Amino acid sequence: MQKESWSVVFYEDERGRRPVSEFLATLSEDARTAVVRDMTLLREFGIAVSFPTVRPVEGVRKLWELRTKTVDGAVRIFYVAQRGRQFILLHGFIKKTSKTPRQELAIATKRLRAVLNKE
């Protein structure tokens, strides 16, 4: 029996821009390949994917991060799981410190609110 896969979609802002897609285009080919591999895990296994590949973001309900080690650095992509077996990729950045920068979290949280308000 074939299990139903999840879809992974890019958040789109009011101007039609897809920030995570744009971010991925800035990465080296090797780094982009690594991130796409982890996105494929989300597609195939959905919410069954666990640490260290994904983890919930502390203090922000429903916000998760995809964690990929790449040649460019530690890539993080914030996302939300939605009804209908869908992940929406909200924001991506290269993590340069041990703690997630507040500014990066603020961007993801703002986009999360926009997505949740559309439900």
PDB file of N, CA and C in Angstrom:
ATOM      1  N   MET A   1       0.844  -1.193   0.000  1.00  0.00           N
ATOM      2  CA  MET A   1       0.000   0.000   0.000  1.00  0.00           C
ATOM      3  C   MET A   1       0.883   1.248   0.000  1.00  0.00           C
ATOM      4  N   GLN A   2       0.655   2.128  -0.951  1.00  0.00           N
ATOM      5  CA  GLN A   2       1.431   3.371  -1.083  1.00  0.00           C
ATOM      6  C   GLN A   2       0.963   4.375  -0.032  1.00  0.00           C
ATOM      7  N   LYS A   3       1.896   4.880   0.772  1.00  0.00           N
ATOM      8  CA  LYS A   3       1.483   5.904   1.736  1.00  0.00           C
ATOM      9  C   LYS A   3       1.441   7.268   1.047  1.00  0.00           C
ATOM     10  N   GLU A   4       0.518   8.079   1.487  1.00  0.00           N
ATOM     11  CA  GLU A   4       0.339   9.397   0.871  1.00  0.00           C
ATOM     12  C   GLU A   4       1.467  10.326   1.291  1.00  0.00           C
ATOM     13  N   SER A   5       2.076  10.985   0.316  1.00  0.00           N
ATOM     14  CA  SER A   5       3.171  11.892   0.640  1.00  0.00           C
ATOM     15  C   SER A   5       2.631  13.280   1.001  1.00  0.00           C
ATOM     16  N   TRP A   6       3.515  14.080   1.552  1.00  0.00           N
ATOM     17  CA  TRP A   6       3.207  15.451   1.921  1.00  0.00           C
ATOM     18  C   TRP A   6       3.656  16.371   0.789  1.00  0.00           C
ATOM     19  N   SER A   7       3.086  17.542   0.735  1.00  0.00           N
ATOM     20  CA  SER A   7       3.591  18.523  -0.223  1.00  0.00           C
ATOM     21  C   SER A   7       4.390  19.576   0.535  1.00  0.00           C
ATOM     22  N   VAL A   8       5.415  20.077  -0.118  1.00  0.00           N
ATOM     23  CA  VAL A   8       6.248  21.138   0.448  1.00  0.00           C
ATOM     24  C   VAL A   8       6.109  22.330  -0.488  1.00  0.00           C
ATOM     25  N   VAL A   9       5.550  23.427   0.043  1.00  0.00           N
ATOM     26  CA  VAL A   9       5.317  24.606  -0.787  1.00  0.00           C
ATOM     27  C   VAL A   9       6.008  25.821  -0.185  1.00  0.00           C
ATOM     28  N   PHE A  10       6.290  26.774  -1.039  1.00  0.00           N
ATOM     29  CA  PHE A  10       6.951  28.000  -0.596  1.00  0.00           C
ATOM     30  C   PHE A  10       5.918  29.047  -0.214  1.00  0.00           C
ATOM     31  N   TYR A  11       6.140  29.673   0.933  1.00  0.00           N
ATOM     32  CA  TYR A  11       5.333  30.833   1.324  1.00  0.00           C
ATOM     33  C   TYR A  11       5.471  31.887   0.232  1.00  0.00           C
ATOM     34  N   GLU A  12       4.352  32.506  -0.098  1.00  0.00           N
ATOM     35  CA  GLU A  12       4.361  33.566  -1.108  1.00  0.00           C
ATOM     36  C   GLU A  12       3.811  34.847  -0.476  1.00  0.00           C
ATOM     37  N   ASP A  13       4.574  35.946  -0.586  1.00  0.00           N
ATOM     38  CA  ASP A  13       4.113  37.204   0.015  1.00  0.00           C
ATOM     39  C   ASP A  13       3.098  37.894  -0.892  1.00  0.00           C
ATOM     40  N   GLU A  14       2.615  39.038  -0.425  1.00  0.00           N
ATOM     41  CA  GLU A  14       1.552  39.754  -1.150  1.00  0.00           C
ATOM     42  C   GLU A  14       1.986  40.227  -2.540  1.00  0.00           C
ATOM     43  N   ARG A  15       3.288  40.317  -2.772  1.00  0.00           N
ATOM     44  CA  ARG A  15       3.792  40.729  -4.092  1.00  0.00           C
ATOM     45  C   ARG A  15       4.116  39.534  -4.988  1.00  0.00           C
ATOM     46  N   GLY A  16       3.834  38.319  -4.484  1.00  0.00           N
ATOM     47  CA  GLY A  16       4.084  37.123  -5.276  1.00  0.00           C
ATOM     48  C   GLY A  16       5.504  36.593  -5.172  1.00  0.00           C
ATOM     49  N   ARG A  17       6.298  37.153  -4.262  1.00  0.00           N
ATOM     50  CA  ARG A  17       7.677  36.687  -4.070  1.00  0.00           C
ATOM     51  C   ARG A  17       7.686  35.447  -3.171  1.00  0.00           C
ATOM     52  N   ARG A  18       8.629  34.576  -3.417  1.00  0.00           N
ATOM     53  CA  ARG A  18       8.810  33.371  -2.600  1.00  0.00           C
ATOM     54  C   ARG A  18      10.185  33.450  -1.948  1.00  0.00           C
ATOM     55  N   PRO A  19      10.245  34.021  -0.735  1.00  0.00           N
ATOM     56  CA  PRO A  19      11.539  34.286  -0.084  1.00  0.00           C
ATOM     57  C   PRO A  19      12.429  33.059   0.105  1.00  0.00           C
ATOM     58  N   VAL A  20      11.852  31.902   0.433  1.00  0.00           N
ATOM     59  CA  VAL A  20      12.697  30.723   0.646  1.00  0.00           C
ATOM     60  C   VAL A  20      13.286  30.253  -0.684  1.00  0.00           C
ATOM     61  N   SER A  21      12.513  30.310  -1.738  1.00  0.00           N
ATOM     62  CA  SER A  21      13.013  29.953  -3.063  1.00  0.00           C
ATOM     63  C   SER A  21      14.169  30.877  -3.453  1.00  0.00           C
ATOM     64  N   GLU A  22      13.999  32.173  -3.190  1.00  0.00           N
ATOM     65  CA  GLU A  22      15.054  33.147  -3.478  1.00  0.00           C
ATOM     66  C   GLU A  22      16.301  32.874  -2.638  1.00  0.00           C
ATOM     67  N   PHE A  23      16.096  32.521  -1.366  1.00  0.00           N
ATOM     68  CA  PHE A  23      17.215  32.195  -0.481  1.00  0.00           C
ATOM     69  C   PHE A  23      17.970  30.975  -0.995  1.00  0.00           C
ATOM     70  N   LEU A  24      17.248  29.935  -1.385  1.00  0.00           N
ATOM     71  CA  LEU A  24      17.885  28.713  -1.882  1.00  0.00           C
ATOM     72  C   LEU A  24      18.745  28.995  -3.118  1.00  0.00           C
ATOM     73  N   ALA A  25      18.308  29.943  -3.938  1.00  0.00           N
ATOM     74  CA  ALA A  25      19.057  30.293  -5.154  1.00  0.00           C
ATOM     75  C   ALA A  25      20.406  30.935  -4.822  1.00  0.00           C
ATOM     76  N   THR A  26      20.561  31.473  -3.606  1.00  0.00           N
ATOM     77  CA  THR A  26      21.827  32.103  -3.213  1.00  0.00           C
ATOM     78  C   THR A  26      22.851  31.088  -2.716  1.00  0.00           C
ATOM     79  N   LEU A  27      22.410  29.863  -2.434  1.00  0.00           N
ATOM     80  CA  LEU A  27      23.310  28.840  -1.898  1.00  0.00           C
ATOM     81  C   LEU A  27      24.144  28.200  -3.008  1.00  0.00           C
ATOM     82  N   SER A  28      25.250  27.624  -2.613  1.00  0.00           N
ATOM     83  CA  SER A  28      26.049  26.867  -3.575  1.00  0.00           C
ATOM     84  C   SER A  28      25.241  25.646  -4.013  1.00  0.00           C
ATOM     85  N   GLU A  29      25.635  25.073  -5.139  1.00  0.00           N
ATOM     86  CA  GLU A  29      24.905  23.906  -5.645  1.00  0.00           C
ATOM     87  C   GLU A  29      24.932  22.761  -4.630  1.00  0.00           C
ATOM     88  N   ASP A  30      26.081  22.530  -3.988  1.00  0.00           N
ATOM     89  CA  ASP A  30      26.186  21.465  -2.994  1.00  0.00           C
ATOM     90  C   ASP A  30      25.270  21.712  -1.802  1.00  0.00           C
ATOM     91  N   ALA A  31      25.224  22.947  -1.326  1.00  0.00           N
ATOM     92  CA  ALA A  31      24.373  23.279  -0.186  1.00  0.00           C
ATOM     93  C   ALA A  31      22.900  23.137  -0.564  1.00  0.00           C
ATOM     94  N   ARG A  32      22.544  23.628  -1.742  1.00  0.00           N
ATOM     95  CA  ARG A  32      21.156  23.535  -2.209  1.00  0.00           C
ATOM     96  C   ARG A  32      20.731  22.066  -2.322  1.00  0.00           C
ATOM     97  N   THR A  33      21.626  21.225  -2.827  1.00  0.00           N
ATOM     98  CA  THR A  33      21.345  19.791  -2.944  1.00  0.00           C
ATOM     99  C   THR A  33      21.073  19.180  -1.572  1.00  0.00           C
ATOM    100  N   ALA A  34      21.866  19.561  -0.581  1.00  0.00           N
ATOM    101  CA  ALA A  34      21.684  19.040   0.781  1.00  0.00           C
ATOM    102  C   ALA A  34      20.330  19.463   1.353  1.00  0.00           C
ATOM    103  N   VAL A  35      19.954  20.718   1.137  1.00  0.00           N
ATOM    104  CA  VAL A  35      18.671  21.212   1.650  1.00  0.00           C
ATOM    105  C   VAL A  35      17.516  20.502   0.941  1.00  0.00           C
ATOM    106  N   VAL A  36      17.616  20.352  -0.365  1.00  0.00           N
ATOM    107  CA  VAL A  36      16.561  19.668  -1.126  1.00  0.00           C
ATOM    108  C   VAL A  36      16.421  18.220  -0.657  1.00  0.00           C
ATOM    109  N   ARG A  37      17.541  17.583  -0.330  1.00  0.00           N
ATOM    110  CA  ARG A  37      17.491  16.205   0.201  1.00  0.00           C
ATOM    111  C   ARG A  37      16.646  16.174   1.487  1.00  0.00           C
ATOM    112  N   ASP A  38      16.859  17.145   2.379  1.00  0.00           N
ATOM    113  CA  ASP A  38      16.084  17.181   3.622  1.00  0.00           C
ATOM    114  C   ASP A  38      14.620  17.550   3.364  1.00  0.00           C
ATOM    115  N   MET A  39      14.373  18.388   2.370  1.00  0.00           N
ATOM    116  CA  MET A  39      12.986  18.707   2.017  1.00  0.00           C
ATOM    117  C   MET A  39      12.286  17.457   1.481  1.00  0.00           C
ATOM    118  N   THR A  40      13.035  16.606   0.800  1.00  0.00           N
ATOM    119  CA  THR A  40      12.482  15.347   0.299  1.00  0.00           C
ATOM    120  C   THR A  40      12.087  14.440   1.456  1.00  0.00           C
ATOM    121  N   LEU A  41      12.866  14.452   2.532  1.00  0.00           N
ATOM    122  CA  LEU A  41      12.492  13.680   3.726  1.00  0.00           C
ATOM    123  C   LEU A  41      11.148  14.157   4.270  1.00  0.00           C
ATOM    124  N   LEU A  42      10.950  15.481   4.293  1.00  0.00           N
ATOM    125  CA  LEU A  42       9.654  16.015   4.743  1.00  0.00           C
ATOM    126  C   LEU A  42       8.533  15.497   3.846  1.00  0.00           C
ATOM    127  N   ARG A  43       8.751  15.538   2.534  1.00  0.00           N
ATOM    128  CA  ARG A  43       7.739  15.063   1.580  1.00  0.00           C
ATOM    129  C   ARG A  43       7.386  13.599   1.808  1.00  0.00           C
ATOM    130  N   GLU A  44       8.422  12.785   1.994  1.00  0.00           N
ATOM    131  CA  GLU A  44       8.219  11.348   2.102  1.00  0.00           C
ATOM    132  C   GLU A  44       7.690  10.899   3.461  1.00  0.00           C
ATOM    133  N   PHE A  45       8.207  11.506   4.531  1.00  0.00           N
ATOM    134  CA  PHE A  45       7.886  11.014   5.865  1.00  0.00           C
ATOM    135  C   PHE A  45       7.042  11.964   6.706  1.00  0.00           C
ATOM    136  N   GLY A  46       6.822  13.183   6.216  1.00  0.00           N
ATOM    137  CA  GLY A  46       5.957  14.129   6.919  1.00  0.00           C
ATOM    138  C   GLY A  46       6.400  14.420   8.328  1.00  0.00           C
ATOM    139  N   ILE A  47       5.438  14.410   9.234  1.00  0.00           N
ATOM    140  CA  ILE A  47       5.730  14.778  10.622  1.00  0.00           C
ATOM    141  C   ILE A  47       6.520  13.701  11.366  1.00  0.00           C
ATOM    142  N   ALA A  48       6.788  12.568  10.708  1.00  0.00           N
ATOM    143  CA  ALA A  48       7.602  11.521  11.331  1.00  0.00           C
ATOM    144  C   ALA A  48       9.096  11.860  11.312  1.00  0.00           C
ATOM    145  N   VAL A  49       9.499  12.852  10.512  1.00  0.00           N
ATOM    146  CA  VAL A  49      10.912  13.267  10.502  1.00  0.00           C
ATOM    147  C   VAL A  49      11.217  13.878  11.865  1.00  0.00           C
ATOM    148  N   SER A  50      12.371  13.533  12.417  1.00  0.00           N
ATOM    149  CA  SER A  50      12.670  14.001  13.772  1.00  0.00           C
ATOM    150  C   SER A  50      14.062  14.623  13.868  1.00  0.00           C
ATOM    151  N   PHE A  51      14.438  14.965  15.092  1.00  0.00           N
ATOM    152  CA  PHE A  51      15.725  15.568  15.396  1.00  0.00           C
ATOM    153  C   PHE A  51      16.817  14.596  14.975  1.00  0.00           C
ATOM    154  N   PRO A  52      17.900  15.012  14.372  1.00  0.00           N
ATOM    155  CA  PRO A  52      18.375  16.389  14.244  1.00  0.00           C
ATOM    156  C   PRO A  52      17.928  17.104  12.962  1.00  0.00           C
ATOM    157  N   THR A  53      17.177  16.421  12.091  1.00  0.00           N
ATOM    158  CA  THR A  53      16.766  17.051  10.828  1.00  0.00           C
ATOM    159  C   THR A  53      15.761  18.171  11.052  1.00  0.00           C
ATOM    160  N   VAL A  54      14.828  17.965  11.958  1.00  0.00           N
ATOM    161  CA  VAL A  54      13.843  19.004  12.270  1.00  0.00           C
ATOM    162  C   VAL A  54      13.711  19.134  13.785  1.00  0.00           C
ATOM    163  N   ARG A  55      13.217  20.282  14.189  1.00  0.00           N
ATOM    164  CA  ARG A  55      12.875  20.460  15.608  1.00  0.00           C
ATOM    165  C   ARG A  55      11.889  21.616  15.731  1.00  0.00           C
ATOM    166  N   PRO A  56      11.043  21.558  16.769  1.00  0.00           N
ATOM    167  CA  PRO A  56      10.130  22.687  16.986  1.00  0.00           C
ATOM    168  C   PRO A  56      10.915  23.897  17.473  1.00  0.00           C
ATOM    169  N   VAL A  57      10.430  25.068  17.135  1.00  0.00           N
ATOM    170  CA  VAL A  57      11.072  26.304  17.590  1.00  0.00           C
ATOM    171  C   VAL A  57      10.493  26.641  18.956  1.00  0.00           C
ATOM    172  N   GLU A  58      11.364  26.762  19.936  1.00  0.00           N
ATOM    173  CA  GLU A  58      10.922  27.062  21.298  1.00  0.00           C
ATOM    174  C   GLU A  58      10.218  28.398  21.367  1.00  0.00           C
ATOM    175  N   GLY A  59       9.082  28.408  22.036  1.00  0.00           N
ATOM    176  CA  GLY A  59       8.371  29.649  22.295  1.00  0.00           C
ATOM    177  C   GLY A  59       7.461  30.129  21.170  1.00  0.00           C
ATOM    178  N   VAL A  60       7.421  29.417  20.038  1.00  0.00           N
ATOM    179  CA  VAL A  60       6.542  29.825  18.937  1.00  0.00           C
ATOM    180  C   VAL A  60       5.738  28.604  18.497  1.00  0.00           C
ATOM    181  N   ARG A  61       4.478  28.577  18.891  1.00  0.00           N
ATOM    182  CA  ARG A  61       3.611  27.449  18.579  1.00  0.00           C
ATOM    183  C   ARG A  61       3.489  27.240  17.070  1.00  0.00           C
ATOM    184  N   LYS A  62       3.570  25.996  16.637  1.00  0.00           N
ATOM    185  CA  LYS A  62       3.410  25.564  15.250  1.00  0.00           C
ATOM    186  C   LYS A  62       4.606  25.841  14.345  1.00  0.00           C
ATOM    187  N   LEU A  63       5.625  26.530  14.834  1.00  0.00           N
ATOM    188  CA  LEU A  63       6.788  26.843  14.004  1.00  0.00           C
ATOM    189  C   LEU A  63       7.868  25.788  14.208  1.00  0.00           C
ATOM    190  N   TRP A  64       8.375  25.262  13.099  1.00  0.00           N
ATOM    191  CA  TRP A  64       9.414  24.236  13.101  1.00  0.00           C
ATOM    192  C   TRP A  64      10.594  24.727  12.290  1.00  0.00           C
ATOM    193  N   GLU A  65      11.747  24.084  12.484  1.00  0.00           N
ATOM    194  CA  GLU A  65      12.892  24.411  11.643  1.00  0.00           C
ATOM    195  C   GLU A  65      13.481  23.150  11.041  1.00  0.00           C
ATOM    196  N   LEU A  66      13.774  23.251   9.745  1.00  0.00           N
ATOM    197  CA  LEU A  66      14.502  22.222   9.024  1.00  0.00           C
ATOM    198  C   LEU A  66      15.975  22.578   9.182  1.00  0.00           C
ATOM    199  N   ARG A  67      16.787  21.620   9.637  1.00  0.00           N
ATOM    200  CA  ARG A  67      18.181  21.887  10.002  1.00  0.00           C
ATOM    201  C   ARG A  67      19.105  21.097   9.083  1.00  0.00           C
ATOM    202  N   THR A  68      19.847  21.804   8.241  1.00  0.00           N
ATOM    203  CA  THR A  68      20.721  21.127   7.283  1.00  0.00           C
ATOM    204  C   THR A  68      22.137  21.665   7.408  1.00  0.00           C
ATOM    205  N   LYS A  69      23.089  20.745   7.619  1.00  0.00           N
ATOM    206  CA  LYS A  69      24.511  21.124   7.626  1.00  0.00           C
ATOM    207  C   LYS A  69      24.982  21.084   6.182  1.00  0.00           C
ATOM    208  N   THR A  70      25.578  22.188   5.724  1.00  0.00           N
ATOM    209  CA  THR A  70      26.026  22.264   4.329  1.00  0.00           C
ATOM    210  C   THR A  70      27.431  22.841   4.265  1.00  0.00           C
ATOM    211  N   VAL A  71      27.996  22.826   3.066  1.00  0.00           N
ATOM    212  CA  VAL A  71      29.311  23.440   2.863  1.00  0.00           C
ATOM    213  C   VAL A  71      29.237  24.956   3.061  1.00  0.00           C
ATOM    214  N   ASP A  72      28.051  25.546   2.918  1.00  0.00           N
ATOM    215  CA  ASP A  72      27.866  26.990   3.115  1.00  0.00           C
ATOM    216  C   ASP A  72      27.660  27.348   4.590  1.00  0.00           C
ATOM    217  N   GLY A  73      27.392  26.349   5.420  1.00  0.00           N
ATOM    218  CA  GLY A  73      27.108  26.582   6.831  1.00  0.00           C
ATOM    219  C   GLY A  73      25.828  25.872   7.249  1.00  0.00           C
ATOM    220  N   ALA A  74      25.370  26.187   8.442  1.00  0.00           N
ATOM    221  CA  ALA A  74      24.164  25.572   8.988  1.00  0.00           C
ATOM    222  C   ALA A  74      22.932  26.291   8.426  1.00  0.00           C
ATOM    223  N   VAL A  75      22.282  25.660   7.470  1.00  0.00           N
ATOM    224  CA  VAL A  75      21.093  26.261   6.856  1.00  0.00           C
ATOM    225  C   VAL A  75      19.878  25.908   7.708  1.00  0.00           C
ATOM    226  N   ARG A  76      19.075  26.921   7.962  1.00  0.00           N
ATOM    227  CA  ARG A  76      17.832  26.735   8.701  1.00  0.00           C
ATOM    228  C   ARG A  76      16.672  27.249   7.850  1.00  0.00           C
ATOM    229  N   ILE A  77      15.624  26.450   7.782  1.00  0.00           N
ATOM    230  CA  ILE A  77      14.407  26.883   7.097  1.00  0.00           C
ATOM    231  C   ILE A  77      13.247  26.683   8.052  1.00  0.00           C
ATOM    232  N   PHE A  78      12.596  27.773   8.382  1.00  0.00           N
ATOM    233  CA  PHE A  78      11.418  27.713   9.246  1.00  0.00           C
ATOM    234  C   PHE A  78      10.217  27.313   8.408  1.00  0.00           C
ATOM    235  N   TYR A  79       9.357  26.472   8.995  1.00  0.00           N
ATOM    236  CA  TYR A  79       8.164  26.034   8.276  1.00  0.00           C
ATOM    237  C   TYR A  79       7.019  25.747   9.244  1.00  0.00           C
ATOM    238  N   VAL A  80       5.829  25.576   8.674  1.00  0.00           N
ATOM    239  CA  VAL A  80       4.639  25.213   9.437  1.00  0.00           C
ATOM    240  C   VAL A  80       3.977  24.038   8.725  1.00  0.00           C
ATOM    241  N   ALA A  81       3.457  23.097   9.510  1.00  0.00           N
ATOM    242  CA  ALA A  81       2.688  21.972   8.957  1.00  0.00           C
ATOM    243  C   ALA A  81       1.223  22.393   8.913  1.00  0.00           C
ATOM    244  N   GLN A  82       0.579  22.134   7.783  1.00  0.00           N
ATOM    245  CA  GLN A  82      -0.810  22.536   7.589  1.00  0.00           C
ATOM    246  C   GLN A  82      -1.700  21.318   7.356  1.00  0.00           C
ATOM    247  N   ARG A  83      -2.993  21.523   7.487  1.00  0.00           N
ATOM    248  CA  ARG A  83      -3.948  20.477   7.136  1.00  0.00           C
ATOM    249  C   ARG A  83      -3.745  20.096   5.683  1.00  0.00           C
ATOM    250  N   GLY A  84      -4.128  18.899   5.336  1.00  0.00           N
ATOM    251  CA  GLY A  84      -3.981  18.467   3.957  1.00  0.00           C
ATOM    252  C   GLY A  84      -2.574  17.992   3.640  1.00  0.00           C
ATOM    253  N   ARG A  85      -1.822  17.639   4.695  1.00  0.00           N
ATOM    254  CA  ARG A  85      -0.464  17.092   4.524  1.00  0.00           C
ATOM    255  C   ARG A  85       0.422  18.037   3.724  1.00  0.00           C
ATOM    256  N   GLN A  86       0.506  19.263   4.223  1.00  0.00           N
ATOM    257  CA  GLN A  86       1.273  20.285   3.520  1.00  0.00           C
ATOM    258  C   GLN A  86       2.210  21.015   4.486  1.00  0.00           C
ATOM    259  N   PHE A  87       3.438  21.220   4.045  1.00  0.00           N
ATOM    260  CA  PHE A  87       4.393  22.055   4.774  1.00  0.00           C
ATOM    261  C   PHE A  87       4.561  23.345   3.980  1.00  0.00           C
ATOM    262  N   ILE A  88       4.541  24.465   4.686  1.00  0.00           N
ATOM    263  CA  ILE A  88       4.785  25.753   4.041  1.00  0.00           C
ATOM    264  C   ILE A  88       6.120  26.284   4.564  1.00  0.00           C
ATOM    265  N   LEU A  89       7.068  26.467   3.638  1.00  0.00           N
ATOM    266  CA  LEU A  89       8.397  26.974   3.992  1.00  0.00           C
ATOM    267  C   LEU A  89       8.325  28.488   4.091  1.00  0.00           C
ATOM    268  N   LEU A  90       8.610  29.017   5.277  1.00  0.00           N
ATOM    269  CA  LEU A  90       8.383  30.434   5.571  1.00  0.00           C
ATOM    270  C   LEU A  90       9.615  31.323   5.402  1.00  0.00           C
ATOM    271  N   HIS A  91      10.769  30.847   5.884  1.00  0.00           N
ATOM    272  CA  HIS A  91      11.953  31.716   5.911  1.00  0.00           C
ATOM    273  C   HIS A  91      13.203  30.855   6.013  1.00  0.00           C
ATOM    274  N   GLY A  92      14.249  31.253   5.304  1.00  0.00           N
ATOM    275  CA  GLY A  92      15.504  30.527   5.365  1.00  0.00           C
ATOM    276  C   GLY A  92      16.675  31.461   5.599  1.00  0.00           C
ATOM    277  N   PHE A  93      17.701  30.944   6.266  1.00  0.00           N
ATOM    278  CA  PHE A  93      18.912  31.723   6.515  1.00  0.00           C
ATOM    279  C   PHE A  93      20.043  30.773   6.868  1.00  0.00           C
ATOM    280  N   ILE A  94      21.272  31.298   6.856  1.00  0.00           N
ATOM    281  CA  ILE A  94      22.433  30.530   7.293  1.00  0.00           C
ATOM    282  C   ILE A  94      22.740  30.958   8.727  1.00  0.00           C
ATOM    283  N   LYS A  95      22.719  29.988   9.611  1.00  0.00           N
ATOM    284  CA  LYS A  95      22.929  30.250  11.032  1.00  0.00           C
ATOM    285  C   LYS A  95      24.421  30.371  11.308  1.00  0.00           C
ATOM    286  N   LYS A  96      24.839  31.505  11.862  1.00  0.00           N
ATOM    287  CA  LYS A  96      26.262  31.755  12.090  1.00  0.00           C
ATOM    288  C   LYS A  96      26.627  31.761  13.578  1.00  0.00           C
ATOM    289  N   THR A  97      25.620  31.733  14.444  1.00  0.00           N
ATOM    290  CA  THR A  97      25.870  31.728  15.881  1.00  0.00           C
ATOM    291  C   THR A  97      25.116  30.559  16.503  1.00  0.00           C
ATOM    292  N   SER A  98      25.400  30.264  17.768  1.00  0.00           N
ATOM    293  CA  SER A  98      24.729  29.135  18.412  1.00  0.00           C
ATOM    294  C   SER A  98      23.251  29.420  18.665  1.00  0.00           C
ATOM    295  N   LYS A  99      22.902  30.671  18.815  1.00  0.00           N
ATOM    296  CA  LYS A  99      21.508  31.053  19.070  1.00  0.00           C
ATOM    297  C   LYS A  99      20.910  31.644  17.793  1.00  0.00           C
ATOM    298  N   THR A 100      19.652  31.302  17.522  1.00  0.00           N
ATOM    299  CA  THR A 100      18.979  31.847  16.345  1.00  0.00           C
ATOM    300  C   THR A 100      18.788  33.357  16.524  1.00  0.00           C
ATOM    301  N   PRO A 101      19.254  34.150  15.562  1.00  0.00           N
ATOM    302  CA  PRO A 101      19.079  35.602  15.673  1.00  0.00           C
ATOM    303  C   PRO A 101      17.602  35.999  15.778  1.00  0.00           C
ATOM    304  N   ARG A 102      17.325  36.929  16.665  1.00  0.00           N
ATOM    305  CA  ARG A 102      15.954  37.392  16.898  1.00  0.00           C
ATOM    306  C   ARG A 102      15.296  37.898  15.625  1.00  0.00           C
ATOM    307  N   GLN A 103      16.069  38.590  14.795  1.00  0.00           N
ATOM    308  CA  GLN A 103      15.545  39.158  13.549  1.00  0.00           C
ATOM    309  C   GLN A 103      15.037  38.051  12.618  1.00  0.00           C
ATOM    310  N   GLU A 104      15.775  36.942  12.522  1.00  0.00           N
ATOM    311  CA  GLU A 104      15.366  35.826  11.660  1.00  0.00           C
ATOM    312  C   GLU A 104      14.072  35.197  12.175  1.00  0.00           C
ATOM    313  N   LEU A 105      13.995  35.043  13.482  1.00  0.00           N
ATOM    314  CA  LEU A 105      12.793  34.481  14.103  1.00  0.00           C
ATOM    315  C   LEU A 105      11.593  35.408  13.915  1.00  0.00           C
ATOM    316  N   ALA A 106      11.823  36.711  13.986  1.00  0.00           N
ATOM    317  CA  ALA A 106      10.734  37.691  13.806  1.00  0.00           C
ATOM    318  C   ALA A 106      10.158  37.608  12.391  1.00  0.00           C
ATOM    319  N   ILE A 107      11.017  37.444  11.398  1.00  0.00           N
ATOM    320  CA  ILE A 107      10.548  37.325  10.012  1.00  0.00           C
ATOM    321  C   ILE A 107       9.673  36.079   9.871  1.00  0.00           C
ATOM    322  N   ALA A 108      10.163  34.949  10.389  1.00  0.00           N
ATOM    323  CA  ALA A 108       9.419  33.691  10.295  1.00  0.00           C
ATOM    324  C   ALA A 108       8.086  33.782  11.032  1.00  0.00           C
ATOM    325  N   THR A 109       8.087  34.402  12.198  1.00  0.00           N
ATOM    326  CA  THR A 109       6.868  34.524  12.999  1.00  0.00           C
ATOM    327  C   THR A 109       5.830  35.387  12.286  1.00  0.00           C
ATOM    328  N   LYS A 110       6.276  36.457  11.664  1.00  0.00           N
ATOM    329  CA  LYS A 110       5.364  37.331  10.912  1.00  0.00           C
ATOM    330  C   LYS A 110       4.710  36.555   9.763  1.00  0.00           C
ATOM    331  N   ARG A 111       5.508  35.773   9.043  1.00  0.00           N
ATOM    332  CA  ARG A 111       4.971  34.992   7.930  1.00  0.00           C
ATOM    333  C   ARG A 111       4.077  33.867   8.431  1.00  0.00           C
ATOM    334  N   LEU A 112       4.419  33.276   9.584  1.00  0.00           N
ATOM    335  CA  LEU A 112       3.576  32.252  10.194  1.00  0.00           C
ATOM    336  C   LEU A 112       2.192  32.822  10.503  1.00  0.00           C
ATOM    337  N   ARG A 113       2.162  34.012  11.097  1.00  0.00           N
ATOM    338  CA  ARG A 113       0.864  34.656  11.411  1.00  0.00           C
ATOM    339  C   ARG A 113       0.055  34.894  10.150  1.00  0.00           C
ATOM    340  N   ALA A 114       0.710  35.316   9.064  1.00  0.00           N
ATOM    341  CA  ALA A 114       0.021  35.554   7.799  1.00  0.00           C
ATOM    342  C   ALA A 114      -0.609  34.266   7.280  1.00  0.00           C
ATOM    343  N   VAL A 115       0.128  33.158   7.366  1.00  0.00           N
ATOM    344  CA  VAL A 115      -0.384  31.866   6.906  1.00  0.00           C
ATOM    345  C   VAL A 115      -1.556  31.403   7.777  1.00  0.00           C
ATOM    346  N   LEU A 116      -1.386  31.513   9.087  1.00  0.00           N
ATOM    347  CA  LEU A 116      -2.440  31.054   9.998  1.00  0.00           C
ATOM    348  C   LEU A 116      -3.701  31.904   9.882  1.00  0.00           C
ATOM    349  N   ASN A 117      -3.551  33.188   9.565  1.00  0.00           N
ATOM    350  CA  ASN A 117      -4.720  34.060   9.395  1.00  0.00           C
ATOM    351  C   ASN A 117      -5.509  33.723   8.142  1.00  0.00           C
ATOM    352  N   LYS A 118      -4.886  33.034   7.178  1.00  0.00           N
ATOM    353  CA  LYS A 118      -5.574  32.627   5.948  1.00  0.00           C
ATOM    354  C   LYS A 118      -6.398  31.366   6.135  1.00  0.00           C
ATOM    355  N   GLU A 119      -6.141  30.616   7.223  1.00  0.00           N
ATOM    356  CA  GLU A 119      -6.847  29.334   7.452  1.00  0.00           C
ATOM    357  C   GLU A 119      -8.334  29.547   7.610  1.00  0.00           C
TER     358      GLU A 119
END
